[in-house]
Amino acid sequence: MRHEVWFDKVLWSYMPCHWKGWAIMAAIGIPTTLAVLLAESTFDALGYANADWIPAPIIILPAFIWLMRIADRPSQ
């Protein structure tokens, strides 16, 4: 029995080629984006406007690594 391919490997990354791949990307991407926006607005509300850049690498990098590990499994 063949397994479903959700992602195609393109160079060093993966591109979704199935609706389940797009769903996984949305399930990780939307909460990550909301977390970064919430953290930036919290820093701004607390008066640390210069610290807006801090949440992006702290939240996005682990989410990106997690997505790459998830995409590796159902790929060709």
PDB file of N, CA and C in Angstrom:
ATOM      1  N   MET A   1       0.839  -1.178   0.000  1.00  0.00           N
ATOM      2  CA  MET A   1       0.000   0.000   0.000  1.00  0.00           C
ATOM      3  C   MET A   1       0.889   1.248   0.000  1.00  0.00           C
ATOM      4  N   ARG A   2       0.625   2.171  -0.926  1.00  0.00           N
ATOM      5  CA  ARG A   2       1.413   3.393  -1.018  1.00  0.00           C
ATOM      6  C   ARG A   2       0.919   4.427  -0.019  1.00  0.00           C
ATOM      7  N   HIS A   3       1.837   5.204   0.501  1.00  0.00           N
ATOM      8  CA  HIS A   3       1.445   6.272   1.421  1.00  0.00           C
ATOM      9  C   HIS A   3       1.141   7.542   0.639  1.00  0.00           C
ATOM     10  N   GLU A   4       0.326   8.395   1.219  1.00  0.00           N
ATOM     11  CA  GLU A   4      -0.003   9.661   0.580  1.00  0.00           C
ATOM     12  C   GLU A   4       1.187  10.599   0.673  1.00  0.00           C
ATOM     13  N   VAL A   5       1.443  11.323  -0.387  1.00  0.00           N
ATOM     14  CA  VAL A   5       2.505  12.319  -0.395  1.00  0.00           C
ATOM     15  C   VAL A   5       1.859  13.685  -0.191  1.00  0.00           C
ATOM     16  N   TRP A   6       2.196  14.333   0.919  1.00  0.00           N
ATOM     17  CA  TRP A   6       1.621  15.624   1.233  1.00  0.00           C
ATOM     18  C   TRP A   6       2.542  16.771   0.845  1.00  0.00           C
ATOM     19  N   PHE A   7       3.855  16.501   0.779  1.00  0.00           N
ATOM     20  CA  PHE A   7       4.845  17.524   0.470  1.00  0.00           C
ATOM     21  C   PHE A   7       5.817  16.999  -0.580  1.00  0.00           C
ATOM     22  N   ASP A   8       6.248  17.889  -1.476  1.00  0.00           N
ATOM     23  CA  ASP A   8       7.299  17.585  -2.438  1.00  0.00           C
ATOM     24  C   ASP A   8       8.567  18.287  -1.975  1.00  0.00           C
ATOM     25  N   LYS A   9       9.686  17.591  -2.064  1.00  0.00           N
ATOM     26  CA  LYS A   9      10.961  18.190  -1.682  1.00  0.00           C
ATOM     27  C   LYS A   9      11.460  19.059  -2.826  1.00  0.00           C
ATOM     28  N   VAL A  10      11.732  20.312  -2.529  1.00  0.00           N
ATOM     29  CA  VAL A  10      12.256  21.274  -3.492  1.00  0.00           C
ATOM     30  C   VAL A  10      13.516  21.876  -2.872  1.00  0.00           C
ATOM     31  N   LEU A  11      14.660  21.518  -3.451  1.00  0.00           N
ATOM     32  CA  LEU A  11      15.964  21.916  -2.928  1.00  0.00           C
ATOM     33  C   LEU A  11      16.077  21.465  -1.471  1.00  0.00           C
ATOM     34  N   TRP A  12      16.187  22.372  -0.529  1.00  0.00           N
ATOM     35  CA  TRP A  12      16.340  21.997   0.869  1.00  0.00           C
ATOM     36  C   TRP A  12      15.047  22.133   1.668  1.00  0.00           C
ATOM     37  N   SER A  13      13.965  22.464   1.007  1.00  0.00           N
ATOM     38  CA  SER A  13      12.702  22.723   1.678  1.00  0.00           C
ATOM     39  C   SER A  13      11.605  21.814   1.122  1.00  0.00           C
ATOM     40  N   TYR A  14      10.393  21.989   1.603  1.00  0.00           N
ATOM     41  CA  TYR A  14       9.249  21.193   1.177  1.00  0.00           C
ATOM     42  C   TYR A  14       8.117  22.115   0.752  1.00  0.00           C
ATOM     43  N   MET A  15       7.406  21.720  -0.294  1.00  0.00           N
ATOM     44  CA  MET A  15       6.250  22.456  -0.767  1.00  0.00           C
ATOM     45  C   MET A  15       5.030  21.548  -0.684  1.00  0.00           C
ATOM     46  N   PRO A  16       3.909  22.047  -0.166  1.00  0.00           N
ATOM     47  CA  PRO A  16       2.722  21.199  -0.077  1.00  0.00           C
ATOM     48  C   PRO A  16       2.154  20.900  -1.460  1.00  0.00           C
ATOM     49  N   CYS A  17       1.783  19.657  -1.659  1.00  0.00           N
ATOM     50  CA  CYS A  17       1.177  19.257  -2.932  1.00  0.00           C
ATOM     51  C   CYS A  17      -0.148  18.538  -2.701  1.00  0.00           C
ATOM     52  N   HIS A  18      -0.659  18.582  -1.491  1.00  0.00           N
ATOM     53  CA  HIS A  18      -1.899  17.919  -1.113  1.00  0.00           C
ATOM     54  C   HIS A  18      -2.612  18.840  -0.137  1.00  0.00           C
ATOM     55  N   TRP A  19      -3.912  18.731  -0.035  1.00  0.00           N
ATOM     56  CA  TRP A  19      -4.646  19.622   0.864  1.00  0.00           C
ATOM     57  C   TRP A  19      -4.238  19.410   2.315  1.00  0.00           C
ATOM     58  N   LYS A  20      -3.812  18.213   2.664  1.00  0.00           N
ATOM     59  CA  LYS A  20      -3.371  17.967   4.043  1.00  0.00           C
ATOM     60  C   LYS A  20      -2.067  18.697   4.345  1.00  0.00           C
ATOM     61  N   GLY A  21      -1.225  18.841   3.341  1.00  0.00           N
ATOM     62  CA  GLY A  21      -0.005  19.626   3.513  1.00  0.00           C
ATOM     63  C   GLY A  21      -0.313  21.089   3.769  1.00  0.00           C
ATOM     64  N   TRP A  22      -1.269  21.627   2.993  1.00  0.00           N
ATOM     65  CA  TRP A  22      -1.677  23.016   3.211  1.00  0.00           C
ATOM     66  C   TRP A  22      -2.322  23.180   4.591  1.00  0.00           C
ATOM     67  N   ALA A  23      -3.083  22.182   5.024  1.00  0.00           N
ATOM     68  CA  ALA A  23      -3.729  22.253   6.341  1.00  0.00           C
ATOM     69  C   ALA A  23      -2.698  22.253   7.457  1.00  0.00           C
ATOM     70  N   ILE A  24      -1.643  21.448   7.318  1.00  0.00           N
ATOM     71  CA  ILE A  24      -0.585  21.423   8.329  1.00  0.00           C
ATOM     72  C   ILE A  24       0.124  22.768   8.376  1.00  0.00           C
ATOM     73  N   MET A  25       0.404  23.327   7.207  1.00  0.00           N
ATOM     74  CA  MET A  25       1.061  24.637   7.176  1.00  0.00           C
ATOM     75  C   MET A  25       0.193  25.710   7.830  1.00  0.00           C
ATOM     76  N   ALA A  26      -1.106  25.665   7.579  1.00  0.00           N
ATOM     77  CA  ALA A  26      -2.011  26.639   8.193  1.00  0.00           C
ATOM     78  C   ALA A  26      -2.114  26.419   9.695  1.00  0.00           C
ATOM     79  N   ALA A  27      -2.144  25.152  10.119  1.00  0.00           N
ATOM     80  CA  ALA A  27      -2.269  24.845  11.542  1.00  0.00           C
ATOM     81  C   ALA A  27      -1.041  25.287  12.329  1.00  0.00           C
ATOM     82  N   ILE A  28       0.096  25.391  11.683  1.00  0.00           N
ATOM     83  CA  ILE A  28       1.299  25.870  12.361  1.00  0.00           C
ATOM     84  C   ILE A  28       1.503  27.357  12.102  1.00  0.00           C
ATOM     85  N   GLY A  29       1.235  27.812  10.900  1.00  0.00           N
ATOM     86  CA  GLY A  29       1.504  29.195  10.532  1.00  0.00           C
ATOM     87  C   GLY A  29       0.583  30.220  11.168  1.00  0.00           C
ATOM     88  N   ILE A  30      -0.691  29.923  11.238  1.00  0.00           N
ATOM     89  CA  ILE A  30      -1.646  30.897  11.792  1.00  0.00           C
ATOM     90  C   ILE A  30      -1.418  31.137  13.286  1.00  0.00           C
ATOM     91  N   PRO A  31      -1.297  30.090  14.121  1.00  0.00           N
ATOM     92  CA  PRO A  31      -1.015  30.358  15.533  1.00  0.00           C
ATOM     93  C   PRO A  31       0.350  31.021  15.753  1.00  0.00           C
ATOM     94  N   THR A  32       1.339  30.693  14.917  1.00  0.00           N
ATOM     95  CA  THR A  32       2.651  31.321  15.038  1.00  0.00           C
ATOM     96  C   THR A  32       2.560  32.813  14.751  1.00  0.00           C
ATOM     97  N   THR A  33       1.862  33.171  13.694  1.00  0.00           N
ATOM     98  CA  THR A  33       1.694  34.580  13.353  1.00  0.00           C
ATOM     99  C   THR A  33       0.937  35.322  14.451  1.00  0.00           C
ATOM    100  N   LEU A  34      -0.112  34.707  14.959  1.00  0.00           N
ATOM    101  CA  LEU A  34      -0.877  35.340  16.048  1.00  0.00           C
ATOM    102  C   LEU A  34      -0.036  35.495  17.308  1.00  0.00           C
ATOM    103  N   ALA A  35       0.811  34.524  17.607  1.00  0.00           N
ATOM    104  CA  ALA A  35       1.675  34.611  18.792  1.00  0.00           C
ATOM    105  C   ALA A  35       2.689  35.743  18.650  1.00  0.00           C
ATOM    106  N   VAL A  36       3.270  35.894  17.464  1.00  0.00           N
ATOM    107  CA  VAL A  36       4.222  36.986  17.247  1.00  0.00           C
ATOM    108  C   VAL A  36       3.523  38.332  17.376  1.00  0.00           C
ATOM    109  N   LEU A  37       2.350  38.469  16.771  1.00  0.00           N
ATOM    110  CA  LEU A  37       1.617  39.736  16.863  1.00  0.00           C
ATOM    111  C   LEU A  37       1.211  40.053  18.291  1.00  0.00           C
ATOM    112  N   LEU A  38       0.781  39.053  19.033  1.00  0.00           N
ATOM    113  CA  LEU A  38       0.410  39.266  20.432  1.00  0.00           C
ATOM    114  C   LEU A  38       1.617  39.669  21.272  1.00  0.00           C
ATOM    115  N   ALA A  39       2.735  39.000  21.065  1.00  0.00           N
ATOM    116  CA  ALA A  39       3.941  39.338  21.825  1.00  0.00           C
ATOM    117  C   ALA A  39       4.424  40.746  21.490  1.00  0.00           C
ATOM    118  N   GLU A  40       4.387  41.124  20.209  1.00  0.00           N
ATOM    119  CA  GLU A  40       4.808  42.472  19.828  1.00  0.00           C
ATOM    120  C   GLU A  40       3.890  43.534  20.409  1.00  0.00           C
ATOM    121  N   SER A  41       2.594  43.285  20.402  1.00  0.00           N
ATOM    122  CA  SER A  41       1.675  44.274  20.977  1.00  0.00           C
ATOM    123  C   SER A  41       1.820  44.343  22.494  1.00  0.00           C
ATOM    124  N   THR A  42       2.152  43.219  23.120  1.00  0.00           N
ATOM    125  CA  THR A  42       2.386  43.228  24.568  1.00  0.00           C
ATOM    126  C   THR A  42       3.626  44.047  24.904  1.00  0.00           C
ATOM    127  N   PHE A  43       4.716  43.847  24.151  1.00  0.00           N
ATOM    128  CA  PHE A  43       5.914  44.651  24.373  1.00  0.00           C
ATOM    129  C   PHE A  43       5.626  46.130  24.169  1.00  0.00           C
ATOM    130  N   ASP A  44       4.847  46.453  23.152  1.00  0.00           N
ATOM    131  CA  ASP A  44       4.501  47.844  22.889  1.00  0.00           C
ATOM    132  C   ASP A  44       3.664  48.427  24.017  1.00  0.00           C
ATOM    133  N   ALA A  45       2.715  47.657  24.531  1.00  0.00           N
ATOM    134  CA  ALA A  45       1.860  48.134  25.621  1.00  0.00           C
ATOM    135  C   ALA A  45       2.644  48.331  26.914  1.00  0.00           C
ATOM    136  N   LEU A  46       3.691  47.533  27.097  1.00  0.00           N
ATOM    137  CA  LEU A  46       4.516  47.658  28.296  1.00  0.00           C
ATOM    138  C   LEU A  46       5.572  48.751  28.175  1.00  0.00           C
ATOM    139  N   GLY A  47       5.652  49.375  27.002  1.00  0.00           N
ATOM    140  CA  GLY A  47       6.589  50.468  26.811  1.00  0.00           C
ATOM    141  C   GLY A  47       7.928  50.054  26.237  1.00  0.00           C
ATOM    142  N   TYR A  48       8.038  48.831  25.778  1.00  0.00           N
ATOM    143  CA  TYR A  48       9.277  48.356  25.168  1.00  0.00           C
ATOM    144  C   TYR A  48       9.127  48.312  23.650  1.00  0.00           C
ATOM    145  N   ALA A  49       8.912  49.460  23.043  1.00  0.00           N
ATOM    146  CA  ALA A  49       8.678  49.513  21.597  1.00  0.00           C
ATOM    147  C   ALA A  49       9.909  49.085  20.809  1.00  0.00           C
ATOM    148  N   ASN A  50      11.109  49.286  21.365  1.00  0.00           N
ATOM    149  CA  ASN A  50      12.331  48.884  20.673  1.00  0.00           C
ATOM    150  C   ASN A  50      12.549  47.378  20.705  1.00  0.00           C
ATOM    151  N   ALA A  51      11.799  46.661  21.506  1.00  0.00           N
ATOM    152  CA  ALA A  51      11.965  45.219  21.634  1.00  0.00           C
ATOM    153  C   ALA A  51      10.996  44.441  20.746  1.00  0.00           C
ATOM    154  N   ASP A  52      10.406  45.091  19.764  1.00  0.00           N
ATOM    155  CA  ASP A  52       9.441  44.418  18.885  1.00  0.00           C
ATOM    156  C   ASP A  52      10.055  43.302  18.053  1.00  0.00           C
ATOM    157  N   TRP A  53      11.333  43.350  17.805  1.00  0.00           N
ATOM    158  CA  TRP A  53      11.985  42.334  16.976  1.00  0.00           C
ATOM    159  C   TRP A  53      12.218  41.028  17.740  1.00  0.00           C
ATOM    160  N   ILE A  54      12.194  41.044  19.055  1.00  0.00           N
ATOM    161  CA  ILE A  54      12.539  39.862  19.864  1.00  0.00           C
ATOM    162  C   ILE A  54      11.590  38.676  19.659  1.00  0.00           C
ATOM    163  N   PRO A  55      10.266  38.843  19.638  1.00  0.00           N
ATOM    164  CA  PRO A  55       9.388  37.669  19.512  1.00  0.00           C
ATOM    165  C   PRO A  55       9.521  36.918  18.193  1.00  0.00           C
ATOM    166  N   ALA A  56       9.850  37.615  17.124  1.00  0.00           N
ATOM    167  CA  ALA A  56       9.886  36.960  15.817  1.00  0.00           C
ATOM    168  C   ALA A  56      10.863  35.790  15.771  1.00  0.00           C
ATOM    169  N   PRO A  57      12.160  35.968  16.075  1.00  0.00           N
ATOM    170  CA  PRO A  57      13.053  34.807  15.993  1.00  0.00           C
ATOM    171  C   PRO A  57      12.781  33.761  17.071  1.00  0.00           C
ATOM    172  N   ILE A  58      12.325  34.200  18.227  1.00  0.00           N
ATOM    173  CA  ILE A  58      12.079  33.255  19.322  1.00  0.00           C
ATOM    174  C   ILE A  58      10.886  32.355  19.011  1.00  0.00           C
ATOM    175  N   ILE A  59       9.876  32.870  18.333  1.00  0.00           N
ATOM    176  CA  ILE A  59       8.667  32.094  18.049  1.00  0.00           C
ATOM    177  C   ILE A  59       8.721  31.454  16.661  1.00  0.00           C
ATOM    178  N   ILE A  60       9.212  32.181  15.664  1.00  0.00           N
ATOM    179  CA  ILE A  60       9.171  31.682  14.290  1.00  0.00           C
ATOM    180  C   ILE A  60      10.187  30.567  14.051  1.00  0.00           C
ATOM    181  N   LEU A  61      11.392  30.675  14.585  1.00  0.00           N
ATOM    182  CA  LEU A  61      12.415  29.664  14.332  1.00  0.00           C
ATOM    183  C   LEU A  61      12.007  28.273  14.821  1.00  0.00           C
ATOM    184  N   PRO A  62      11.532  28.106  16.059  1.00  0.00           N
ATOM    185  CA  PRO A  62      11.080  26.759  16.459  1.00  0.00           C
ATOM    186  C   PRO A  62       9.888  26.260  15.638  1.00  0.00           C
ATOM    187  N   ALA A  63       8.987  27.158  15.264  1.00  0.00           N
ATOM    188  CA  ALA A  63       7.838  26.743  14.444  1.00  0.00           C
ATOM    189  C   ALA A  63       8.302  26.277  13.072  1.00  0.00           C
ATOM    190  N   PHE A  64       9.285  26.975  12.496  1.00  0.00           N
ATOM    191  CA  PHE A  64       9.816  26.581  11.190  1.00  0.00           C
ATOM    192  C   PHE A  64      10.510  25.219  11.267  1.00  0.00           C
ATOM    193  N   ILE A  65      11.312  25.012  12.292  1.00  0.00           N
ATOM    194  CA  ILE A  65      11.992  23.721  12.459  1.00  0.00           C
ATOM    195  C   ILE A  65      10.974  22.609  12.657  1.00  0.00           C
ATOM    196  N   TRP A  66       9.948  22.860  13.453  1.00  0.00           N
ATOM    197  CA  TRP A  66       8.907  21.855  13.699  1.00  0.00           C
ATOM    198  C   TRP A  66       8.165  21.515  12.409  1.00  0.00           C
ATOM    199  N   LEU A  67       7.861  22.542  11.609  1.00  0.00           N
ATOM    200  CA  LEU A  67       7.178  22.315  10.341  1.00  0.00           C
ATOM    201  C   LEU A  67       8.046  21.506   9.379  1.00  0.00           C
ATOM    202  N   MET A  68       9.339  21.776   9.333  1.00  0.00           N
ATOM    203  CA  MET A  68      10.230  21.012   8.457  1.00  0.00           C
ATOM    204  C   MET A  68      10.313  19.544   8.884  1.00  0.00           C
ATOM    205  N   ARG A  69      10.304  19.284  10.175  1.00  0.00           N
ATOM    206  CA  ARG A  69      10.336  17.909  10.662  1.00  0.00           C
ATOM    207  C   ARG A  69       9.022  17.191  10.350  1.00  0.00           C
ATOM    208  N   ILE A  70       7.910  17.889  10.482  1.00  0.00           N
ATOM    209  CA  ILE A  70       6.616  17.302  10.162  1.00  0.00           C
ATOM    210  C   ILE A  70       6.521  17.043   8.661  1.00  0.00           C
ATOM    211  N   ALA A  71       6.991  17.975   7.854  1.00  0.00           N
ATOM    212  CA  ALA A  71       6.893  17.840   6.394  1.00  0.00           C
ATOM    213  C   ALA A  71       7.793  16.732   5.862  1.00  0.00           C
ATOM    214  N   ASP A  72       8.858  16.400   6.575  1.00  0.00           N
ATOM    215  CA  ASP A  72       9.773  15.367   6.126  1.00  0.00           C
ATOM    216  C   ASP A  72       9.109  13.999   6.103  1.00  0.00           C
ATOM    217  N   ARG A  73       8.220  13.729   7.011  1.00  0.00           N
ATOM    218  CA  ARG A  73       7.578  12.413   7.093  1.00  0.00           C
ATOM    219  C   ARG A  73       6.675  12.095   5.892  1.00  0.00           C
ATOM    220  N   PRO A  74       5.658  12.915   5.592  1.00  0.00           N
ATOM    221  CA  PRO A  74       4.789  12.562   4.453  1.00  0.00           C
ATOM    222  C   PRO A  74       5.264  13.153   3.122  1.00  0.00           C
ATOM    223  N   SER A  75       6.577  13.102   2.854  1.00  0.00           N
ATOM    224  CA  SER A  75       7.098  13.618   1.590  1.00  0.00           C
ATOM    225  C   SER A  75       7.653  12.461   0.762  1.00  0.00           C
ATOM    226  N   GLN A  76       8.013  12.759  -0.463  1.00  0.00           N
ATOM    227  CA  GLN A  76       8.549  11.734  -1.348  1.00  0.00           C
ATOM    228  C   GLN A  76       9.947  11.367  -0.953  1.00  0.00           C
TER     229      GLN A  76
END
